[in-house]
Amino acid sequence: MKFIITESQSEKLHSLIQEFINTILNFLDEESEEWGMGEMDELHELGSIKEIKVTRVISENKKKVYIDIYLSYERYELNNIKNEIESRLDDYIPNVELILENVYDENGELMSDFDL
């Protein structure tokens, strides 16, 4: 059975996914309090993220969620956190793919030298 998502449903899905991402980030932050020295890079990566914003959602066979990440400090590798959020998001919304569109530095400026 195929479901067609209307524009108004797409806006609701966009908001819902944003809420899920915010909640997952909060859970990761709480969980990170118990991480040790073996997870130092992951701690640094998680700590660098100030905010993640969903910019658009495209619903096809796989839901593509485009995100922008705003950093608290300079960081060039964000795949661990992106992949973890994508995995946890898939528990709520199956067949979801997070696509990193833009990364902004601590001053809110686009990091043009960031490798997407």
C-alpha atoms as a PDB file:
ATOM      1  CA  MET A   1       0.000   0.000   0.000  1.00  0.00           C
ATOM      2  CA  LYS A   2       1.369   3.398  -0.973  1.00  0.00           C
ATOM      3  CA  PHE A   3       0.631   6.551   1.028  1.00  0.00           C
ATOM      4  CA  ILE A   4       0.647   9.997  -0.524  1.00  0.00           C
ATOM      5  CA  ILE A   5       1.698  12.774   1.834  1.00  0.00           C
ATOM      6  CA  THR A   6      -0.028  16.078   1.156  1.00  0.00           C
ATOM      7  CA  GLU A   7       1.643  19.455   1.643  1.00  0.00           C
ATOM      8  CA  SER A   8      -0.039  20.046   5.022  1.00  0.00           C
ATOM      9  CA  GLN A   9       0.974  16.559   6.171  1.00  0.00           C
ATOM     10  CA  SER A  10       4.494  17.255   4.956  1.00  0.00           C
ATOM     11  CA  GLU A  11       4.651  20.348   7.197  1.00  0.00           C
ATOM     12  CA  LYS A  12       3.485  18.259  10.161  1.00  0.00           C
ATOM     13  CA  LEU A  13       6.061  15.587   9.319  1.00  0.00           C
ATOM     14  CA  HIS A  14       8.746  18.302   9.131  1.00  0.00           C
ATOM     15  CA  SER A  15       7.796  19.562  12.619  1.00  0.00           C
ATOM     16  CA  LEU A  16       7.573  16.041  14.015  1.00  0.00           C
ATOM     17  CA  ILE A  17      11.007  15.093  12.689  1.00  0.00           C
ATOM     18  CA  GLN A  18      12.478  18.319  14.122  1.00  0.00           C
ATOM     19  CA  GLU A  19      11.028  17.409  17.536  1.00  0.00           C
ATOM     20  CA  PHE A  20      12.420  13.872  17.289  1.00  0.00           C
ATOM     21  CA  ILE A  21      15.883  15.186  16.400  1.00  0.00           C
ATOM     22  CA  ASN A  22      15.822  17.632  19.328  1.00  0.00           C
ATOM     23  CA  THR A  23      14.756  14.829  21.684  1.00  0.00           C
ATOM     24  CA  ILE A  24      17.426  12.452  20.366  1.00  0.00           C
ATOM     25  CA  LEU A  25      20.096  15.149  20.862  1.00  0.00           C
ATOM     26  CA  ASN A  26      18.906  15.609  24.459  1.00  0.00           C
ATOM     27  CA  PHE A  27      19.059  11.833  25.057  1.00  0.00           C
ATOM     28  CA  LEU A  28      22.562  11.670  23.578  1.00  0.00           C
ATOM     29  CA  ASP A  29      23.647  14.546  25.792  1.00  0.00           C
ATOM     30  CA  GLU A  30      22.299  12.756  28.892  1.00  0.00           C
ATOM     31  CA  GLU A  31      23.858   9.442  27.844  1.00  0.00           C
ATOM     32  CA  SER A  32      27.220  11.113  27.197  1.00  0.00           C
ATOM     33  CA  GLU A  33      27.589  11.865  30.905  1.00  0.00           C
ATOM     34  CA  GLU A  34      28.433   8.174  31.362  1.00  0.00           C
ATOM     35  CA  TRP A  35      30.849   7.927  28.424  1.00  0.00           C
ATOM     36  CA  GLY A  36      34.522   7.441  29.189  1.00  0.00           C
ATOM     37  CA  MET A  37      37.891   8.105  27.641  1.00  0.00           C
ATOM     38  CA  GLY A  38      37.164   5.648  24.839  1.00  0.00           C
ATOM     39  CA  GLU A  39      34.480   7.963  23.526  1.00  0.00           C
ATOM     40  CA  MET A  40      36.452  11.222  23.639  1.00  0.00           C
ATOM     41  CA  ASP A  41      36.050  11.899  19.909  1.00  0.00           C
ATOM     42  CA  GLU A  42      32.305  11.249  20.105  1.00  0.00           C
ATOM     43  CA  LEU A  43      32.069  13.555  23.132  1.00  0.00           C
ATOM     44  CA  HIS A  44      33.931  16.271  21.216  1.00  0.00           C
ATOM     45  CA  GLU A  45      31.654  15.775  18.199  1.00  0.00           C
ATOM     46  CA  LEU A  46      28.460  15.881  20.284  1.00  0.00           C
ATOM     47  CA  GLY A  47      29.697  18.902  22.224  1.00  0.00           C
ATOM     48  CA  SER A  48      30.386  20.817  19.031  1.00  0.00           C
ATOM     49  CA  ILE A  49      26.722  20.775  17.980  1.00  0.00           C
ATOM     50  CA  LYS A  50      24.754  23.804  19.054  1.00  0.00           C
ATOM     51  CA  GLU A  51      21.670  23.031  16.997  1.00  0.00           C
ATOM     52  CA  ILE A  52      20.358  20.900  14.160  1.00  0.00           C
ATOM     53  CA  LYS A  53      17.621  22.355  11.964  1.00  0.00           C
ATOM     54  CA  VAL A  54      15.488  20.398   9.547  1.00  0.00           C
ATOM     55  CA  THR A  55      15.376  22.444   6.339  1.00  0.00           C
ATOM     56  CA  ARG A  56      13.111  20.214   4.266  1.00  0.00           C
ATOM     57  CA  VAL A  57      11.598  16.757   4.079  1.00  0.00           C
ATOM     58  CA  ILE A  58      11.016  14.878   0.863  1.00  0.00           C
ATOM     59  CA  SER A  59       8.716  11.894   1.142  1.00  0.00           C
ATOM     60  CA  GLU A  60       9.248   9.262  -1.460  1.00  0.00           C
ATOM     61  CA  ASN A  61      10.002   5.577  -0.920  1.00  0.00           C
ATOM     62  CA  LYS A  62      12.633   6.741   1.536  1.00  0.00           C
ATOM     63  CA  LYS A  63      12.027   9.913   3.535  1.00  0.00           C
ATOM     64  CA  LYS A  64      14.894  12.290   2.882  1.00  0.00           C
ATOM     65  CA  VAL A  65      15.430  14.768   5.690  1.00  0.00           C
ATOM     66  CA  TYR A  66      17.767  17.643   4.881  1.00  0.00           C
ATOM     67  CA  ILE A  67      19.481  19.224   7.872  1.00  0.00           C
ATOM     68  CA  ASP A  68      21.726  22.149   8.703  1.00  0.00           C
ATOM     69  CA  ILE A  69      24.066  21.854  11.676  1.00  0.00           C
ATOM     70  CA  TYR A  70      25.118  24.866  13.746  1.00  0.00           C
ATOM     71  CA  LEU A  71      28.335  24.439  15.708  1.00  0.00           C
ATOM     72  CA  SER A  72      29.495  25.763  19.061  1.00  0.00           C
ATOM     73  CA  TYR A  73      33.109  25.316  17.993  1.00  0.00           C
ATOM     74  CA  GLU A  74      34.958  24.229  14.887  1.00  0.00           C
ATOM     75  CA  ARG A  75      34.523  20.584  13.956  1.00  0.00           C
ATOM     76  CA  TYR A  76      34.904  18.958  10.530  1.00  0.00           C
ATOM     77  CA  GLU A  77      33.735  15.396  11.200  1.00  0.00           C
ATOM     78  CA  LEU A  78      30.064  15.001  12.146  1.00  0.00           C
ATOM     79  CA  ASN A  79      29.182  11.622  10.657  1.00  0.00           C
ATOM     80  CA  ASN A  80      29.077   9.703  13.957  1.00  0.00           C
ATOM     81  CA  ILE A  81      26.345  11.888  15.431  1.00  0.00           C
ATOM     82  CA  LYS A  82      24.483  12.206  12.119  1.00  0.00           C
ATOM     83  CA  ASN A  83      24.460   8.432  11.719  1.00  0.00           C
ATOM     84  CA  GLU A  84      23.386   7.860  15.329  1.00  0.00           C
ATOM     85  CA  ILE A  85      20.505  10.323  14.988  1.00  0.00           C
ATOM     86  CA  GLU A  86      19.502   8.731  11.683  1.00  0.00           C
ATOM     87  CA  SER A  87      19.491   5.276  13.280  1.00  0.00           C
ATOM     88  CA  ARG A  88      17.407   6.384  16.256  1.00  0.00           C
ATOM     89  CA  LEU A  89      15.057   8.392  14.051  1.00  0.00           C
ATOM     90  CA  ASP A  90      14.481   5.275  11.960  1.00  0.00           C
ATOM     91  CA  ASP A  91      12.936   3.660  15.072  1.00  0.00           C
ATOM     92  CA  TYR A  92      10.135   6.243  14.898  1.00  0.00           C
ATOM     93  CA  ILE A  93       9.972   6.920  11.164  1.00  0.00           C
ATOM     94  CA  PRO A  94      11.103   3.959   9.065  1.00  0.00           C
ATOM     95  CA  ASN A  95      13.095   4.457   5.862  1.00  0.00           C
ATOM     96  CA  VAL A  96      14.520   7.828   6.822  1.00  0.00           C
ATOM     97  CA  GLU A  97      17.756   9.267   5.484  1.00  0.00           C
ATOM     98  CA  LEU A  98      19.451  12.328   6.973  1.00  0.00           C
ATOM     99  CA  ILE A  99      21.232  14.480   4.434  1.00  0.00           C
ATOM    100  CA  LEU A 100      23.626  17.100   5.741  1.00  0.00           C
ATOM    101  CA  GLU A 101      23.182  20.206   3.616  1.00  0.00           C
ATOM    102  CA  ASN A 102      25.082  22.954   5.424  1.00  0.00           C
ATOM    103  CA  VAL A 103      27.301  23.404   8.443  1.00  0.00           C
ATOM    104  CA  TYR A 104      27.569  26.784  10.158  1.00  0.00           C
ATOM    105  CA  ASP A 105      30.426  27.806  12.434  1.00  0.00           C
ATOM    106  CA  GLU A 106      30.144  29.318  15.909  1.00  0.00           C
ATOM    107  CA  ASN A 107      29.501  32.751  14.332  1.00  0.00           C
ATOM    108  CA  GLY A 108      26.638  31.450  12.203  1.00  0.00           C
ATOM    109  CA  GLU A 109      28.670  31.650   9.003  1.00  0.00           C
ATOM    110  CA  LEU A 110      28.549  28.901   6.401  1.00  0.00           C
ATOM    111  CA  MET A 111      31.628  26.685   6.546  1.00  0.00           C
ATOM    112  CA  SER A 112      32.504  26.541   2.876  1.00  0.00           C
ATOM    113  CA  ASP A 113      35.484  24.260   3.446  1.00  0.00           C
ATOM    114  CA  PHE A 114      33.356  21.621   5.163  1.00  0.00           C
ATOM    115  CA  ASP A 115      33.332  18.303   3.349  1.00  0.00           C
ATOM    116  CA  LEU A 116      29.699  17.205   3.019  1.00  0.00           C
END
